[in-house]
Amino acid sequence: MESIVKNPSKIRSAEIIVGIPSYNEADNIAFPTDVASRGLEEFFPDKKAVIINVDNHSPDGTGEVFMHTPTKTPKIYISTPPHVKGKGNNFRNLFRAAVELNAKAVIVVDADLKSITPQWIRYLGEPLMGRFDYVTPIYVRHKYDGTITNHIAYPLLRTLFGLRVRQPIGGDFGFSGKLARAFLSEKLWNDKIAHFGIDIWMTTIAIARHFNICQAFLGAPKVHKAKDPAADLSKMFIQVVSTLFDLMIEFEYLWKYICETRPSSIYGFGLGVDEKPPAIDVNTEKLFNSFREGYRKYEKLYNKVLPITETREMEKYLKIENKDNFYYQSNLWARILFNFAIAYHTNNMDREQLLEALIPFYHSRVLSYVNKTRNMETREAEEYLENINRIFEAEKYYLIQRWDEFNQDRILFK
C-alpha cells in the first residue's frame, strides 16, 4: 500500500531536507520542528528547504502537531499505512522523498530531542554541501546513555571496518541525495532493518560502500528520552545486533582484510561544552539478576556457542554474591560477542533465541562497566571506552581465526 502524504505547499523540489522520524511523539515533535526551521532560515537562507515528518501513522496526533507547528519553512507529512510500523520504514519514505525532490542534503534529527539548537542544522548540513555524503554527530552523552552503542555497535563496527565513527546509531545525522539513492538500491533489507536496525545499517552501508564520511561537533549534550540500560530494550537490542551480524556476513569479503583503524574526518571544532547531560539511573540489581538467571536458563546454548575456556571463565563470575563487586575483563567480552556473531553466521540454531541469550551477557557487560566507572567523570569514562575499543581491535585475529574455522567446517560437512 502507498504511503499517506500531506504536502499543502505543493513542494516539488528541495535542495535541503530536515527529516524527523516519529511514532507517538505529539508531546515532543513541535520543539525540534521549530528549531529545525530556525536553523534552516539562519544558516541556509539561499537554499530551497523543506521539513518532512516521516511517521508511523501515530494515533496520538503527531502528524497534526507537526503540521500545525508555526514555521517559515514549508512542511510535508509522510506516513506509512496504518498497519506498517518501524523506524526503518519511515526512513525508506525519507529516502524516496529525497530522490523525488532531488535533494542535495538530508538532515535527520530525533523527534524527542530536547537539546537541539539551530546550530545543529548547520553542523549536520554544511559538510553535505561539500564533499561529504554521510555525517554523524559528536556530542556529550551521559556515560550510561547509549549502552548498545558503547558496548556493541561502536566497538564492533570500528573493529570490523576500520573507521572510528563514535555515534553510529546516534539518531541525528546527515546524508547526501546520492547516498539516499544508494540506500534504496541495497539488496540487504529485512524486518529488523525496517525497525531499529536502520541506523547501524545506514552507517555500515556508508562505510562499506566507501562514501565520504565525517563526524560533526554539535556543541551541546544530547538530551532526549534516555533509557535505563536495565529496562526492557530486548526488541531494540535484537534488531540492532541482528542487523550488525547480517552485515558481517554480507561484507565478510571486506572486513576480514582490514588490519587497523583510523579516525574519520572531523567537521568543525570541539566547542568545550561545560554542560553536563542529565544523569541516568541504572538498576544494577536488575542487571546482576539478569546475568545470573539468564546463565542458568541458556547454559546449554552457551556451551554450544562459547569455547570451553570462555565458559569456564564466565562461570567464575557466577560465584560473585555482591553486585557491586562484579567485573570482568574487556577482552573476554569481545570474545563472547565474536563467538555469538560466529554462531549467528553458522545458522545452526534459532537466531532469535541466540540473540535473546546474548542479552544476559550484555547486561553483565554493562554492570561491569558501571562498577568500573562509577566514580569517573564523563571524560575519564570516555577514555576508558577508548581503551576498550583498542582491546576489541587487538582481539580481531581471534574473530577471524574462529570465523574461518567454522567456514571450513561448513565446507567439509556439505
Protein backbone atom coordinates (compact mmCIF):
# COMPACT_ATOMS: atom_id res chain seq x y z
CA MET A 1 0.00 0.00 0.00
CA GLU A 2 1.12 3.52 -0.76
CA SER A 3 2.23 5.96 1.92
CA ILE A 4 -0.01 8.78 3.11
CA VAL A 5 1.34 12.18 2.02
CA LYS A 6 0.26 15.69 3.04
CA ASN A 7 2.02 18.40 1.03
CA PRO A 8 -0.07 21.57 1.39
CA SER A 9 2.64 23.81 -0.09
CA LYS A 10 2.87 21.58 -3.19
CA ILE A 11 6.65 21.21 -2.81
CA ARG A 12 8.11 19.55 -5.91
CA SER A 13 11.83 20.08 -5.33
CA ALA A 14 14.20 20.95 -2.48
CA GLU A 15 17.93 21.36 -2.07
CA ILE A 16 17.92 20.52 1.62
CA ILE A 17 15.57 18.42 3.75
CA VAL A 18 15.29 18.08 7.51
CA GLY A 19 13.65 14.74 8.27
CA ILE A 20 12.07 13.91 11.63
CA PRO A 21 11.12 10.22 12.07
CA SER A 22 8.42 9.61 14.64
CA TYR A 23 5.91 7.37 16.32
CA ASN A 24 3.65 8.80 19.03
CA GLU A 25 5.72 11.96 19.58
CA ALA A 26 2.88 14.50 19.75
CA ASP A 27 4.23 15.85 23.06
CA ASN A 28 7.74 16.38 21.67
CA ILE A 29 7.82 16.99 17.92
CA ALA A 30 6.94 20.70 17.92
CA PHE A 31 10.24 21.70 19.51
CA PRO A 32 12.67 20.07 17.02
CA THR A 33 10.40 21.19 14.17
CA ASP A 34 10.58 24.81 15.27
CA VAL A 35 14.34 24.69 15.87
CA ALA A 36 14.96 22.98 12.53
CA SER A 37 13.08 25.74 10.74
CA ARG A 38 15.06 28.45 12.52
CA GLY A 39 18.31 26.65 11.70
CA LEU A 40 17.41 26.45 8.02
CA GLU A 41 16.47 30.14 7.94
CA GLU A 42 19.67 31.23 9.68
CA PHE A 43 22.27 29.04 8.02
CA PHE A 44 20.76 28.05 4.66
CA PRO A 45 18.69 31.11 3.66
CA ASP A 46 19.59 30.72 -0.03
CA LYS A 47 18.63 27.03 -0.19
CA LYS A 48 15.19 25.73 -1.07
CA ALA A 49 14.31 23.75 2.06
CA VAL A 50 11.54 21.59 3.47
CA ILE A 51 10.93 19.81 6.77
CA ILE A 52 9.47 16.30 6.46
CA ASN A 53 7.90 14.31 9.28
CA VAL A 54 8.16 10.63 8.37
CA ASP A 55 5.71 8.96 10.71
CA ASN A 56 4.22 5.55 11.51
CA HIS A 57 0.60 6.75 11.39
CA SER A 58 0.82 7.81 15.06
CA PRO A 59 -2.57 7.52 16.78
CA ASP A 60 -1.66 10.29 19.26
CA GLY A 61 -1.84 13.05 16.62
CA THR A 62 1.89 13.52 16.00
CA GLY A 63 1.23 14.47 12.37
CA GLU A 64 -1.32 17.13 13.31
CA VAL A 65 1.02 18.70 15.87
CA PHE A 66 3.83 18.71 13.31
CA MET A 67 1.76 20.32 10.56
CA HIS A 68 0.32 22.95 12.91
CA THR A 69 3.70 23.98 14.35
CA PRO A 70 4.32 27.53 13.02
CA THR A 71 7.38 27.59 10.73
CA LYS A 72 8.62 29.73 7.85
CA THR A 73 9.97 26.59 6.18
CA PRO A 74 7.30 24.54 4.36
CA LYS A 75 6.46 21.11 5.71
CA ILE A 76 5.48 17.71 4.33
CA TYR A 77 3.95 14.87 6.33
CA ILE A 78 4.54 11.31 5.10
CA SER A 79 3.11 8.32 6.93
CA THR A 80 3.36 4.60 6.45
CA PRO A 81 -0.02 2.84 6.08
CA PRO A 82 -1.82 2.23 9.39
CA HIS A 83 -0.62 -1.36 9.74
CA VAL A 84 3.06 -0.65 8.90
CA LYS A 85 5.38 0.33 11.76
CA GLY A 86 9.13 0.68 12.14
CA LYS A 87 11.72 3.44 12.11
CA GLY A 88 13.37 1.89 9.07
CA ASN A 89 10.13 2.05 7.13
CA ASN A 90 9.97 5.75 7.94
CA PHE A 91 13.46 6.14 6.54
CA ARG A 92 12.52 4.35 3.33
CA ASN A 93 9.90 7.04 2.84
CA LEU A 94 12.53 9.70 3.56
CA PHE A 95 14.98 8.17 1.05
CA ARG A 96 12.26 8.17 -1.61
CA ALA A 97 11.30 11.76 -0.82
CA ALA A 98 14.94 12.85 -1.10
CA VAL A 99 15.22 11.23 -4.54
CA GLU A 100 11.86 12.56 -5.75
CA LEU A 101 12.66 16.10 -4.58
CA ASN A 102 16.21 15.83 -5.98
CA ALA A 103 17.66 16.95 -2.65
CA LYS A 104 21.38 17.51 -2.26
CA ALA A 105 21.35 17.12 1.52
CA VAL A 106 19.16 15.42 4.14
CA ILE A 107 19.49 16.15 7.85
CA VAL A 108 17.80 13.83 10.34
CA VAL A 109 17.02 14.64 13.98
CA ASP A 110 15.15 12.66 16.62
CA ALA A 111 11.59 13.72 17.37
CA ASP A 112 12.17 13.60 21.14
CA LEU A 113 15.21 15.91 21.18
CA LYS A 114 15.24 18.49 23.95
CA SER A 115 18.74 19.87 23.35
CA ILE A 116 18.69 20.60 19.61
CA THR A 117 19.82 24.11 18.62
CA PRO A 118 19.73 25.87 15.23
CA GLN A 119 23.49 25.27 15.03
CA TRP A 120 22.87 21.50 14.85
CA ILE A 121 21.24 22.06 11.45
CA ARG A 122 24.33 23.93 10.31
CA TYR A 123 26.84 21.39 11.63
CA LEU A 124 25.00 18.40 10.14
CA GLY A 125 24.17 20.14 6.86
CA GLU A 126 27.24 22.12 5.81
CA PRO A 127 29.53 19.10 5.22
CA LEU A 128 26.92 17.74 2.77
CA MET A 129 27.25 20.90 0.70
CA GLY A 130 30.90 19.99 0.17
CA ARG A 131 32.46 16.60 -0.43
CA PHE A 132 30.84 14.53 2.32
CA ASP A 133 27.97 12.07 1.89
CA TYR A 134 27.38 10.99 5.48
CA VAL A 135 27.67 12.99 8.71
CA THR A 136 27.43 11.51 12.20
CA PRO A 137 27.30 13.52 15.44
CA ILE A 138 29.85 14.12 18.14
CA TYR A 139 28.23 15.27 21.34
CA VAL A 140 28.49 14.70 25.05
CA ARG A 141 26.28 11.91 26.35
CA HIS A 142 25.95 10.59 29.85
CA LYS A 143 28.35 7.72 30.42
CA TYR A 144 25.40 5.34 30.87
CA ASP A 145 23.41 6.62 27.89
CA GLY A 146 23.70 4.64 24.67
CA THR A 147 24.94 1.35 26.14
CA ILE A 148 24.20 -0.61 22.95
CA THR A 149 26.32 1.94 21.09
CA ASN A 150 29.14 1.94 23.64
CA HIS A 151 29.46 -1.80 24.20
CA ILE A 152 28.38 -3.35 20.90
CA ALA A 153 27.75 -1.10 17.90
CA TYR A 154 30.76 1.22 18.13
CA PRO A 155 33.48 -1.29 19.12
CA LEU A 156 32.25 -3.93 16.67
CA LEU A 157 31.79 -1.56 13.71
CA ARG A 158 35.14 0.10 14.34
CA THR A 159 36.96 -3.22 14.70
CA LEU A 160 35.38 -4.67 11.58
CA PHE A 161 35.57 -1.81 9.12
CA GLY A 162 38.44 0.26 10.46
CA LEU A 163 36.71 3.64 10.71
CA ARG A 164 36.09 5.31 14.05
CA VAL A 165 32.54 6.66 13.99
CA ARG A 166 31.70 7.35 17.63
CA GLN A 167 27.90 7.54 17.30
CA PRO A 168 26.93 5.02 14.60
CA ILE A 169 23.36 4.84 15.91
CA GLY A 170 23.12 8.33 17.40
CA GLY A 171 19.82 9.19 15.71
CA ASP A 172 20.94 12.62 14.48
CA PHE A 173 22.93 12.70 11.24
CA GLY A 174 23.03 13.81 7.63
CA PHE A 175 23.32 12.12 4.26
CA SER A 176 23.56 13.25 0.65
CA GLY A 177 20.97 12.75 -2.06
CA LYS A 178 23.47 10.46 -3.77
CA LEU A 179 23.64 8.25 -0.68
CA ALA A 180 19.83 8.21 -0.43
CA ARG A 181 19.77 6.64 -3.90
CA ALA A 182 22.39 4.10 -2.81
CA PHE A 183 20.35 3.18 0.27
CA LEU A 184 17.33 2.47 -1.93
CA SER A 185 19.37 0.23 -4.23
CA GLU A 186 20.78 -2.01 -1.48
CA LYS A 187 19.58 -5.62 -1.62
CA LEU A 188 20.02 -6.35 2.09
CA TRP A 189 16.74 -5.28 3.65
CA ASN A 190 14.68 -7.17 6.20
CA ASP A 191 12.22 -6.66 9.03
CA LYS A 192 14.99 -5.88 11.55
CA ILE A 193 16.37 -3.10 9.34
CA ALA A 194 12.82 -1.84 8.81
CA HIS A 195 12.67 -1.19 12.55
CA PHE A 196 15.53 -0.36 14.97
CA GLY A 197 18.27 -1.82 12.79
CA ILE A 198 18.09 1.10 10.36
CA ASP A 199 20.71 3.41 11.96
CA ILE A 200 23.50 0.84 12.12
CA TRP A 201 22.56 -0.37 8.62
CA MET A 202 22.90 3.14 7.19
CA THR A 203 26.23 3.80 8.87
CA THR A 204 27.67 0.44 7.83
CA ILE A 205 26.48 0.80 4.23
CA ALA A 206 28.03 4.26 4.04
CA ILE A 207 31.37 2.89 5.29
CA ALA A 208 31.37 -0.37 3.33
CA ARG A 209 30.40 1.33 0.05
CA HIS A 210 33.22 3.87 0.51
CA PHE A 211 31.18 7.05 0.71
CA ASN A 212 32.84 10.12 2.18
CA ILE A 213 32.10 10.21 5.90
CA CYS A 214 32.75 12.75 8.61
CA GLN A 215 31.76 13.43 12.19
CA ALA A 216 30.48 16.85 13.20
CA PHE A 217 30.70 18.53 16.60
CA LEU A 218 27.18 19.58 17.62
CA GLY A 219 28.26 21.64 20.60
CA ALA A 220 25.71 20.56 23.22
CA PRO A 221 25.00 17.39 25.16
CA LYS A 222 22.28 15.16 23.76
CA VAL A 223 19.16 15.39 25.90
CA HIS A 224 16.27 13.11 24.97
CA LYS A 225 14.15 10.34 26.45
CA ALA A 226 17.10 8.32 27.72
CA LYS A 227 16.51 4.73 28.80
CA ASP A 228 17.84 2.74 31.73
CA PRO A 229 20.02 0.00 30.17
CA ALA A 230 18.46 -2.46 32.62
CA ALA A 231 14.98 -1.72 31.24
CA ASP A 232 13.37 -3.98 28.67
CA LEU A 233 15.16 -2.99 25.46
CA SER A 234 15.15 -6.55 24.11
CA LYS A 235 13.36 -5.69 20.85
CA MET A 236 15.75 -2.86 20.05
CA PHE A 237 18.76 -4.91 21.15
CA ILE A 238 17.84 -7.89 18.97
CA GLN A 239 17.13 -5.74 15.91
CA VAL A 240 20.37 -3.74 16.16
CA VAL A 241 22.62 -6.73 16.87
CA SER A 242 20.90 -8.92 14.28
CA THR A 243 21.47 -6.22 11.66
CA LEU A 244 25.13 -5.93 12.64
CA PHE A 245 25.60 -9.69 12.34
CA ASP A 246 23.80 -9.75 8.97
CA LEU A 247 26.14 -7.01 7.75
CA MET A 248 29.15 -9.02 8.96
CA ILE A 249 28.02 -11.86 6.71
CA GLU A 250 27.25 -9.52 3.80
CA PHE A 251 30.63 -7.79 3.92
CA GLU A 252 32.87 -10.66 5.05
CA TYR A 253 34.96 -10.12 1.92
CA LEU A 254 35.78 -6.64 3.19
CA TRP A 255 36.24 -6.62 6.96
CA LYS A 256 38.48 -9.69 7.17
CA TYR A 257 41.20 -7.82 5.32
CA ILE A 258 41.13 -4.56 7.30
CA CYS A 259 44.02 -4.61 9.74
CA GLU A 260 43.87 -1.28 11.54
CA THR A 261 41.50 1.55 12.40
CA ARG A 262 41.68 5.23 11.57
CA PRO A 263 39.78 8.30 12.72
CA SER A 264 37.15 9.69 10.40
CA SER A 265 37.30 13.24 9.11
CA ILE A 266 36.10 15.78 11.67
CA TYR A 267 33.96 18.77 10.73
CA GLY A 268 34.07 21.86 12.90
CA PHE A 269 35.89 22.04 16.21
CA GLY A 270 35.40 20.97 19.78
CA LEU A 271 33.38 23.66 21.49
CA GLY A 272 34.49 22.89 25.03
CA VAL A 273 30.95 22.42 26.30
CA ASP A 274 30.76 22.53 30.09
CA GLU A 275 27.14 21.47 30.33
CA LYS A 276 26.51 18.02 31.75
CA PRO A 277 23.88 15.72 30.29
CA PRO A 278 21.12 14.58 32.66
CA ALA A 279 22.04 11.73 34.96
CA ILE A 280 20.79 8.24 34.19
CA ASP A 281 19.93 5.86 37.00
CA VAL A 282 20.95 2.28 36.28
CA ASN A 283 19.21 -0.60 38.04
CA THR A 284 22.33 -2.65 38.77
CA GLU A 285 20.35 -5.21 40.76
CA LYS A 286 18.30 -5.99 37.66
CA LEU A 287 21.44 -6.29 35.52
CA PHE A 288 23.03 -8.62 38.08
CA ASN A 289 19.98 -10.86 38.31
CA SER A 290 19.54 -10.93 34.54
CA PHE A 291 23.02 -12.37 34.13
CA ARG A 292 22.70 -14.99 36.87
CA GLU A 293 19.21 -16.12 35.89
CA GLY A 294 19.94 -15.92 32.17
CA TYR A 295 23.05 -18.04 32.51
CA ARG A 296 21.06 -20.82 34.16
CA LYS A 297 18.33 -20.55 31.51
CA TYR A 298 20.65 -20.64 28.49
CA GLU A 299 23.56 -22.68 29.86
CA LYS A 300 23.21 -25.47 27.29
CA LEU A 301 23.13 -22.95 24.45
CA TYR A 302 26.19 -21.16 25.85
CA ASN A 303 28.10 -24.45 25.86
CA LYS A 304 27.42 -24.74 22.13
CA VAL A 305 28.32 -21.15 21.32
CA LEU A 306 31.36 -20.50 23.51
CA PRO A 307 34.66 -22.40 23.68
CA ILE A 308 35.31 -24.13 26.98
CA THR A 309 37.91 -21.53 28.03
CA GLU A 310 35.31 -18.74 27.87
CA THR A 311 32.56 -20.75 29.61
CA ARG A 312 34.86 -21.70 32.47
CA GLU A 313 35.92 -18.07 32.80
CA MET A 314 32.33 -16.83 32.94
CA GLU A 315 31.34 -19.50 35.46
CA LYS A 316 33.75 -17.87 37.93
CA TYR A 317 31.68 -14.70 37.85
CA LEU A 318 28.50 -16.58 38.72
CA LYS A 319 30.00 -17.11 42.16
CA ILE A 320 30.14 -13.39 42.91
CA GLU A 321 27.50 -12.58 45.50
CA ASN A 322 27.75 -8.80 45.66
CA LYS A 323 26.62 -6.98 42.50
CA ASP A 324 28.91 -4.04 43.31
CA ASN A 325 31.97 -6.30 43.04
CA PHE A 326 31.02 -7.71 39.65
CA TYR A 327 33.57 -7.06 36.92
CA TYR A 328 35.38 -8.92 34.15
CA GLN A 329 37.99 -8.01 31.55
CA SER A 330 37.06 -6.41 28.23
CA ASN A 331 38.89 -9.00 26.12
CA LEU A 332 36.52 -11.64 27.49
CA TRP A 333 33.52 -9.52 26.45
CA ALA A 334 35.00 -9.10 22.97
CA ARG A 335 35.42 -12.87 22.57
CA ILE A 336 31.90 -13.56 23.81
CA LEU A 337 30.46 -11.11 21.26
CA PHE A 338 32.63 -12.53 18.47
CA ASN A 339 31.52 -16.08 19.24
CA PHE A 340 27.86 -15.10 19.14
CA ALA A 341 28.44 -13.48 15.73
CA ILE A 342 30.04 -16.73 14.52
CA ALA A 343 27.17 -18.82 15.87
CA TYR A 344 24.73 -16.49 14.10
CA HIS A 345 26.72 -16.92 10.88
CA THR A 346 26.68 -20.72 11.02
CA ASN A 347 22.87 -20.65 11.14
CA ASN A 348 22.74 -23.93 13.07
CA MET A 349 20.33 -22.62 15.71
CA ASP A 350 17.36 -20.34 16.13
CA ARG A 351 18.80 -16.85 15.58
CA GLU A 352 16.10 -15.10 17.61
CA GLN A 353 16.80 -17.34 20.59
CA LEU A 354 20.54 -16.88 20.12
CA LEU A 355 20.20 -13.09 20.36
CA GLU A 356 17.87 -13.36 23.35
CA ALA A 357 20.56 -15.48 25.02
CA LEU A 358 23.12 -12.74 24.38
CA ILE A 359 21.13 -10.21 26.45
CA PRO A 360 22.23 -11.57 29.88
CA PHE A 361 25.86 -11.27 28.75
CA TYR A 362 25.18 -7.74 27.53
CA HIS A 363 23.70 -6.91 30.92
CA SER A 364 26.76 -8.40 32.63
CA ARG A 365 28.99 -6.21 30.45
CA VAL A 366 27.04 -3.06 31.31
CA LEU A 367 27.21 -3.96 35.00
CA SER A 368 30.99 -4.42 34.74
CA TYR A 369 31.28 -1.02 33.09
CA VAL A 370 29.07 0.70 35.68
CA ASN A 371 31.09 -0.75 38.54
CA LYS A 372 34.36 0.26 36.89
CA THR A 373 33.29 3.83 36.04
CA ARG A 374 31.07 4.68 38.99
CA ASN A 375 33.43 7.39 40.24
CA MET A 376 34.63 8.57 36.82
CA GLU A 377 33.68 11.85 35.19
CA THR A 378 32.46 11.82 31.59
CA ARG A 379 35.90 12.48 30.08
CA GLU A 380 37.57 9.73 32.09
CA ALA A 381 34.81 7.25 31.23
CA GLU A 382 35.21 8.13 27.55
CA GLU A 383 38.94 7.46 27.75
CA TYR A 384 38.17 4.09 29.36
CA LEU A 385 35.81 3.26 26.48
CA GLU A 386 38.59 4.15 24.03
CA ASN A 387 40.83 1.61 25.73
CA ILE A 388 38.07 -1.00 25.43
CA ASN A 389 37.85 -0.35 21.70
CA ARG A 390 41.57 -0.90 21.34
CA ILE A 391 41.18 -4.22 23.14
CA PHE A 392 38.49 -5.21 20.63
CA GLU A 393 40.87 -4.35 17.79
CA ALA A 394 43.62 -6.43 19.37
CA GLU A 395 41.26 -9.43 19.54
CA LYS A 396 40.25 -9.25 15.87
CA TYR A 397 42.71 -12.01 14.99
CA TYR A 398 40.67 -14.30 17.27
CA LEU A 399 37.44 -13.42 15.43
CA ILE A 400 38.96 -14.09 12.01
CA GLN A 401 40.56 -17.37 13.09
CA ARG A 402 37.34 -18.70 14.64
CA TRP A 403 35.22 -17.43 11.73
CA ASP A 404 37.47 -19.20 9.20
CA GLU A 405 37.44 -22.42 11.24
CA PHE A 406 33.65 -22.52 11.12
CA ASN A 407 33.64 -21.65 7.42
CA GLN A 408 35.98 -24.59 6.79
CA ASP A 409 33.77 -26.92 8.84
CA ARG A 410 30.73 -25.88 6.81
CA ILE A 411 32.57 -26.67 3.59
CA LEU A 412 33.73 -30.09 4.86
CA PHE A 413 30.28 -31.17 6.03
CA LYS A 414 28.31 -30.01 2.99
